[in-house]
């Protein structure tokens, strides 16, 4: 199965934000302000990339209908 350009971009974006989310020093959780910065820089972009990518992939690759329907 060959990956299309949109799939490659989506996969790379998800992996980058996932690794940023899991880095222990990016930024530390000991302070509420740092937690908000962490959320803005990693969690929100990760959610956005995942859901936008899923929407785009579902538009590219349509599900096949069953024969009985």
PDB file of N, CA and C in Angstrom:
ATOM      1  N   UNK A   1       0.843  -1.172   0.000  1.00  0.00           N
ATOM      2  CA  UNK A   1       0.000   0.000   0.000  1.00  0.00           C
ATOM      3  C   UNK A   1       0.894   1.242   0.000  1.00  0.00           C
ATOM      4  N   UNK A   2       0.720   2.067  -0.984  1.00  0.00           N
ATOM      5  CA  UNK A   2       1.527   3.268  -1.115  1.00  0.00           C
ATOM      6  C   UNK A   2       0.835   4.433  -0.409  1.00  0.00           C
ATOM      7  N   UNK A   3       1.608   5.191   0.362  1.00  0.00           N
ATOM      8  CA  UNK A   3       1.053   6.338   1.063  1.00  0.00           C
ATOM      9  C   UNK A   3       0.962   7.534   0.129  1.00  0.00           C
ATOM     10  N   UNK A   4      -0.145   8.242   0.209  1.00  0.00           N
ATOM     11  CA  UNK A   4      -0.309   9.464  -0.577  1.00  0.00           C
ATOM     12  C   UNK A   4       0.349  10.619   0.171  1.00  0.00           C
ATOM     13  N   UNK A   5       0.477  11.740  -0.489  1.00  0.00           N
ATOM     14  CA  UNK A   5       1.134  12.908   0.096  1.00  0.00           C
ATOM     15  C   UNK A   5       0.397  13.389   1.347  1.00  0.00           C
ATOM     16  N   UNK A   6      -0.913  13.439   1.300  1.00  0.00           N
ATOM     17  CA  UNK A   6      -1.697  13.891   2.450  1.00  0.00           C
ATOM     18  C   UNK A   6      -1.508  12.959   3.644  1.00  0.00           C
ATOM     19  N   UNK A   7      -1.413  11.667   3.383  1.00  0.00           N
ATOM     20  CA  UNK A   7      -1.200  10.704   4.463  1.00  0.00           C
ATOM     21  C   UNK A   7       0.174  10.874   5.096  1.00  0.00           C
ATOM     22  N   UNK A   8       1.183  11.138   4.277  1.00  0.00           N
ATOM     23  CA  UNK A   8       2.532  11.333   4.809  1.00  0.00           C
ATOM     24  C   UNK A   8       2.599  12.568   5.695  1.00  0.00           C
ATOM     25  N   UNK A   9       2.001  13.657   5.234  1.00  0.00           N
ATOM     26  CA  UNK A   9       1.995  14.896   6.021  1.00  0.00           C
ATOM     27  C   UNK A   9       1.254  14.677   7.330  1.00  0.00           C
ATOM     28  N   UNK A  10       0.126  14.005   7.268  1.00  0.00           N
ATOM     29  CA  UNK A  10      -0.669  13.737   8.462  1.00  0.00           C
ATOM     30  C   UNK A  10       0.111  12.872   9.443  1.00  0.00           C
ATOM     31  N   UNK A  11       0.737  11.821   8.969  1.00  0.00           N
ATOM     32  CA  UNK A  11       1.497  10.914   9.820  1.00  0.00           C
ATOM     33  C   UNK A  11       2.677  11.623  10.478  1.00  0.00           C
ATOM     34  N   UNK A  12       3.415  12.398   9.716  1.00  0.00           N
ATOM     35  CA  UNK A  12       4.561  13.129  10.269  1.00  0.00           C
ATOM     36  C   UNK A  12       4.105  14.134  11.321  1.00  0.00           C
ATOM     37  N   UNK A  13       3.014  14.855  11.066  1.00  0.00           N
ATOM     38  CA  UNK A  13       2.496  15.830  12.029  1.00  0.00           C
ATOM     39  C   UNK A  13       2.071  15.162  13.323  1.00  0.00           C
ATOM     40  N   UNK A  14       1.366  14.062  13.222  1.00  0.00           N
ATOM     41  CA  UNK A  14       0.913  13.348  14.419  1.00  0.00           C
ATOM     42  C   UNK A  14       2.107  12.847  15.222  1.00  0.00           C
ATOM     43  N   UNK A  15       3.099  12.298  14.557  1.00  0.00           N
ATOM     44  CA  UNK A  15       4.274  11.780  15.264  1.00  0.00           C
ATOM     45  C   UNK A  15       5.037  12.907  15.957  1.00  0.00           C
ATOM     46  N   UNK A  16       5.223  14.033  15.289  1.00  0.00           N
ATOM     47  CA  UNK A  16       5.943  15.160  15.896  1.00  0.00           C
ATOM     48  C   UNK A  16       5.228  15.653  17.142  1.00  0.00           C
ATOM     49  N   UNK A  17       3.918  15.905  17.047  1.00  0.00           N
ATOM     50  CA  UNK A  17       3.195  16.419  18.210  1.00  0.00           C
ATOM     51  C   UNK A  17       3.081  15.375  19.314  1.00  0.00           C
ATOM     52  N   UNK A  18       3.024  14.095  18.955  1.00  0.00           N
ATOM     53  CA  UNK A  18       2.988  13.042  19.969  1.00  0.00           C
ATOM     54  C   UNK A  18       4.299  13.002  20.748  1.00  0.00           C
ATOM     55  N   UNK A  19       5.434  13.118  20.048  1.00  0.00           N
ATOM     56  CA  UNK A  19       6.722  13.127  20.746  1.00  0.00           C
ATOM     57  C   UNK A  19       6.884  14.381  21.596  1.00  0.00           C
ATOM     58  N   UNK A  20       6.436  15.537  21.098  1.00  0.00           N
ATOM     59  CA  UNK A  20       6.496  16.751  21.909  1.00  0.00           C
ATOM     60  C   UNK A  20       5.630  16.617  23.156  1.00  0.00           C
ATOM     61  N   UNK A  21       4.476  15.976  23.015  1.00  0.00           N
ATOM     62  CA  UNK A  21       3.571  15.775  24.147  1.00  0.00           C
ATOM     63  C   UNK A  21       4.214  14.899  25.218  1.00  0.00           C
ATOM     64  N   UNK A  22       5.018  13.925  24.821  1.00  0.00           N
ATOM     65  CA  UNK A  22       5.592  12.978  25.769  1.00  0.00           C
ATOM     66  C   UNK A  22       6.974  13.350  26.283  1.00  0.00           C
ATOM     67  N   UNK A  23       7.552  14.443  25.837  1.00  0.00           N
ATOM     68  CA  UNK A  23       8.848  14.860  26.367  1.00  0.00           C
ATOM     69  C   UNK A  23       8.665  15.391  27.786  1.00  0.00           C
ATOM     70  N   UNK A  24       9.425  14.915  28.747  1.00  0.00           N
ATOM     71  CA  UNK A  24       9.226  15.338  30.131  1.00  0.00           C
ATOM     72  C   UNK A  24       9.638  16.779  30.397  1.00  0.00           C
ATOM     73  N   UNK A  25      10.508  17.356  29.594  1.00  0.00           N
ATOM     74  CA  UNK A  25      10.991  18.716  29.850  1.00  0.00           C
ATOM     75  C   UNK A  25      10.299  19.766  28.987  1.00  0.00           C
ATOM     76  N   UNK A  26       9.220  19.430  28.351  1.00  0.00           N
ATOM     77  CA  UNK A  26       8.586  20.348  27.393  1.00  0.00           C
ATOM     78  C   UNK A  26       7.196  20.723  27.820  1.00  0.00           C
ATOM     79  N   UNK A  27       6.943  21.798  28.464  1.00  0.00           N
ATOM     80  CA  UNK A  27       7.550  22.307  29.687  1.00  0.00           C
ATOM     81  C   UNK A  27       7.086  21.482  30.876  1.00  0.00           C
ATOM     82  N   UNK A  28       7.656  21.742  32.019  1.00  0.00           N
ATOM     83  CA  UNK A  28       7.355  20.939  33.220  1.00  0.00           C
ATOM     84  C   UNK A  28       5.936  21.207  33.726  1.00  0.00           C
ATOM     85  N   UNK A  29       5.389  20.223  34.438  1.00  0.00           N
ATOM     86  CA  UNK A  29       4.015  20.323  34.929  1.00  0.00           C
ATOM     87  C   UNK A  29       3.905  20.904  36.333  1.00  0.00           C
ATOM     88  N   UNK A  30       4.966  21.348  36.936  1.00  0.00           N
ATOM     89  CA  UNK A  30       4.916  21.774  38.327  1.00  0.00           C
ATOM     90  C   UNK A  30       4.177  23.086  38.529  1.00  0.00           C
ATOM     91  N   UNK A  31       3.875  23.804  37.494  1.00  0.00           N
ATOM     92  CA  UNK A  31       3.237  25.110  37.617  1.00  0.00           C
ATOM     93  C   UNK A  31       2.047  25.178  36.662  1.00  0.00           C
ATOM     94  N   UNK A  32       0.933  25.806  37.083  1.00  0.00           N
ATOM     95  CA  UNK A  32      -0.248  25.873  36.209  1.00  0.00           C
ATOM     96  C   UNK A  32       0.022  26.571  34.870  1.00  0.00           C
ATOM     97  N   UNK A  33       0.851  27.601  34.893  1.00  0.00           N
ATOM     98  CA  UNK A  33       1.159  28.316  33.659  1.00  0.00           C
ATOM     99  C   UNK A  33       1.898  27.401  32.676  1.00  0.00           C
ATOM    100  N   UNK A  34       2.804  26.596  33.198  1.00  0.00           N
ATOM    101  CA  UNK A  34       3.532  25.652  32.343  1.00  0.00           C
ATOM    102  C   UNK A  34       2.594  24.605  31.759  1.00  0.00           C
ATOM    103  N   UNK A  35       1.609  24.194  32.533  1.00  0.00           N
ATOM    104  CA  UNK A  35       0.642  23.212  32.041  1.00  0.00           C
ATOM    105  C   UNK A  35      -0.183  23.791  30.892  1.00  0.00           C
ATOM    106  N   UNK A  36      -0.574  25.049  31.014  1.00  0.00           N
ATOM    107  CA  UNK A  36      -1.341  25.700  29.947  1.00  0.00           C
ATOM    108  C   UNK A  36      -0.486  25.853  28.689  1.00  0.00           C
ATOM    109  N   UNK A  37       0.786  26.220  28.869  1.00  0.00           N
ATOM    110  CA  UNK A  37       1.690  26.321  27.722  1.00  0.00           C
ATOM    111  C   UNK A  37       1.837  24.962  27.046  1.00  0.00           C
ATOM    112  N   UNK A  38       1.983  23.922  27.847  1.00  0.00           N
ATOM    113  CA  UNK A  38       2.110  22.561  27.310  1.00  0.00           C
ATOM    114  C   UNK A  38       0.864  22.192  26.513  1.00  0.00           C
ATOM    115  N   UNK A  39      -0.302  22.540  27.046  1.00  0.00           N
ATOM    116  CA  UNK A  39      -1.554  22.233  26.364  1.00  0.00           C
ATOM    117  C   UNK A  39      -1.642  22.969  25.025  1.00  0.00           C
ATOM    118  N   UNK A  40      -1.287  24.242  25.017  1.00  0.00           N
ATOM    119  CA  UNK A  40      -1.383  25.042  23.795  1.00  0.00           C
ATOM    120  C   UNK A  40      -0.391  24.567  22.735  1.00  0.00           C
ATOM    121  N   UNK A  41       0.805  24.171  23.158  1.00  0.00           N
ATOM    122  CA  UNK A  41       1.848  23.784  22.205  1.00  0.00           C
ATOM    123  C   UNK A  41       1.756  22.343  21.725  1.00  0.00           C
ATOM    124  N   UNK A  42       1.107  21.466  22.505  1.00  0.00           N
ATOM    125  CA  UNK A  42       1.121  20.052  22.118  1.00  0.00           C
ATOM    126  C   UNK A  42      -0.256  19.414  22.027  1.00  0.00           C
ATOM    127  N   UNK A  43      -1.063  19.527  23.054  1.00  0.00           N
ATOM    128  CA  UNK A  43      -2.330  18.789  23.081  1.00  0.00           C
ATOM    129  C   UNK A  43      -3.315  19.318  22.043  1.00  0.00           C
ATOM    130  N   UNK A  44      -3.522  20.609  22.007  1.00  0.00           N
ATOM    131  CA  UNK A  44      -4.485  21.181  21.057  1.00  0.00           C
ATOM    132  C   UNK A  44      -4.048  20.941  19.608  1.00  0.00           C
ATOM    133  N   UNK A  45      -2.770  21.183  19.245  1.00  0.00           N
ATOM    134  CA  UNK A  45      -2.370  20.849  17.866  1.00  0.00           C
ATOM    135  C   UNK A  45      -2.481  19.358  17.552  1.00  0.00           C
ATOM    136  N   UNK A  46      -2.182  18.505  18.530  1.00  0.00           N
ATOM    137  CA  UNK A  46      -2.286  17.061  18.297  1.00  0.00           C
ATOM    138  C   UNK A  46      -3.727  16.671  18.008  1.00  0.00           C
ATOM    139  N   UNK A  47      -4.667  17.150  18.801  1.00  0.00           N
ATOM    140  CA  UNK A  47      -6.084  16.858  18.555  1.00  0.00           C
ATOM    141  C   UNK A  47      -6.519  17.392  17.196  1.00  0.00           C
ATOM    142  N   UNK A  48      -6.109  18.624  16.895  1.00  0.00           N
ATOM    143  CA  UNK A  48      -6.494  19.239  15.628  1.00  0.00           C
ATOM    144  C   UNK A  48      -5.963  18.441  14.440  1.00  0.00           C
ATOM    145  N   UNK A  49      -4.695  18.060  14.504  1.00  0.00           N
ATOM    146  CA  UNK A  49      -4.086  17.304  13.406  1.00  0.00           C
ATOM    147  C   UNK A  49      -4.762  15.952  13.238  1.00  0.00           C
ATOM    148  N   UNK A  50      -5.035  15.269  14.345  1.00  0.00           N
ATOM    149  CA  UNK A  50      -5.646  13.940  14.261  1.00  0.00           C
ATOM    150  C   UNK A  50      -7.044  14.027  13.656  1.00  0.00           C
ATOM    151  N   UNK A  51      -7.888  14.902  14.177  1.00  0.00           N
ATOM    152  CA  UNK A  51      -9.264  14.955  13.692  1.00  0.00           C
ATOM    153  C   UNK A  51      -9.368  15.539  12.284  1.00  0.00           C
ATOM    154  N   UNK A  52      -8.561  16.551  11.969  1.00  0.00           N
ATOM    155  CA  UNK A  52      -8.579  17.094  10.611  1.00  0.00           C
ATOM    156  C   UNK A  52      -8.064  16.052   9.623  1.00  0.00           C
ATOM    157  N   UNK A  53      -7.019  15.333  10.020  1.00  0.00           N
ATOM    158  CA  UNK A  53      -6.480  14.283   9.155  1.00  0.00           C
ATOM    159  C   UNK A  53      -7.467  13.163   8.932  1.00  0.00           C
ATOM    160  N   UNK A  54      -8.172  12.754   9.985  1.00  0.00           N
ATOM    161  CA  UNK A  54      -9.190  11.710   9.833  1.00  0.00           C
ATOM    162  C   UNK A  54     -10.296  12.166   8.888  1.00  0.00           C
ATOM    163  N   UNK A  55     -10.724  13.404   9.025  1.00  0.00           N
ATOM    164  CA  UNK A  55     -11.758  13.947   8.145  1.00  0.00           C
ATOM    165  C   UNK A  55     -11.277  13.948   6.696  1.00  0.00           C
ATOM    166  N   UNK A  56     -10.033  14.387   6.487  1.00  0.00           N
ATOM    167  CA  UNK A  56      -9.483  14.437   5.128  1.00  0.00           C
ATOM    168  C   UNK A  56      -9.308  13.036   4.549  1.00  0.00           C
ATOM    169  N   UNK A  57      -8.835  12.091   5.350  1.00  0.00           N
ATOM    170  CA  UNK A  57      -8.646  10.721   4.860  1.00  0.00           C
ATOM    171  C   UNK A  57      -9.988  10.059   4.535  1.00  0.00           C
ATOM    172  N   UNK A  58     -11.006  10.352   5.329  1.00  0.00           N
ATOM    173  CA  UNK A  58     -12.333   9.780   5.049  1.00  0.00           C
ATOM    174  C   UNK A  58     -12.915  10.352   3.760  1.00  0.00           C
ATOM    175  N   UNK A  59     -12.564  11.583   3.413  1.00  0.00           N
ATOM    176  CA  UNK A  59     -13.018  12.150   2.149  1.00  0.00           C
ATOM    177  C   UNK A  59     -12.259  11.553   0.975  1.00  0.00           C
ATOM    178  N   UNK A  60     -10.985  11.234   1.170  1.00  0.00           N
ATOM    179  CA  UNK A  60     -10.183  10.652   0.085  1.00  0.00           C
ATOM    180  C   UNK A  60     -10.569   9.202  -0.146  1.00  0.00           C
ATOM    181  N   UNK A  61     -10.634   8.434   0.935  1.00  0.00           N
ATOM    182  CA  UNK A  61     -10.915   7.000   0.840  1.00  0.00           C
ATOM    183  C   UNK A  61     -12.332   6.735   1.323  1.00  0.00           C
ATOM    184  N   UNK A  62     -13.261   6.627   0.405  1.00  0.00           N
ATOM    185  CA  UNK A  62     -14.658   6.347   0.748  1.00  0.00           C
ATOM    186  C   UNK A  62     -14.811   4.887   1.138  1.00  0.00           C
ATOM    187  N   UNK A  63     -15.701   4.606   2.080  1.00  0.00           N
ATOM    188  CA  UNK A  63     -15.992   3.229   2.459  1.00  0.00           C
ATOM    189  C   UNK A  63     -16.842   2.575   1.374  1.00  0.00           C
ATOM    190  N   UNK A  64     -16.597   1.317   1.138  1.00  0.00           N
ATOM    191  CA  UNK A  64     -17.379   0.590   0.140  1.00  0.00           C
ATOM    192  C   UNK A  64     -18.709   0.176   0.744  1.00  0.00           C
ATOM    193  N   UNK A  65     -19.774   0.287  -0.059  1.00  0.00           N
ATOM    194  CA  UNK A  65     -21.092  -0.132   0.402  1.00  0.00           C
ATOM    195  C   UNK A  65     -21.241  -1.631   0.213  1.00  0.00           C
ATOM    196  N   UNK A  66     -22.023  -2.231   1.094  1.00  0.00           N
ATOM    197  CA  UNK A  66     -22.282  -3.669   0.979  1.00  0.00           C
ATOM    198  C   UNK A  66     -23.213  -3.923  -0.197  1.00  0.00           C
ATOM    199  N   UNK A  67     -23.192  -5.132  -0.723  1.00  0.00           N
ATOM    200  CA  UNK A  67     -24.011  -5.463  -1.892  1.00  0.00           C
ATOM    201  C   UNK A  67     -25.500  -5.427  -1.585  1.00  0.00           C
ATOM    202  N   UNK A  68     -25.905  -5.750  -0.369  1.00  0.00           N
ATOM    203  CA  UNK A  68     -27.318  -5.804  -0.016  1.00  0.00           C
ATOM    204  C   UNK A  68     -27.951  -4.438   0.177  1.00  0.00           C
ATOM    205  N   UNK A  69     -27.172  -3.394   0.260  1.00  0.00           N
ATOM    206  CA  UNK A  69     -27.729  -2.060   0.524  1.00  0.00           C
ATOM    207  C   UNK A  69     -27.910  -1.267  -0.736  1.00  0.00           C
TER     208      UNK A  69
END
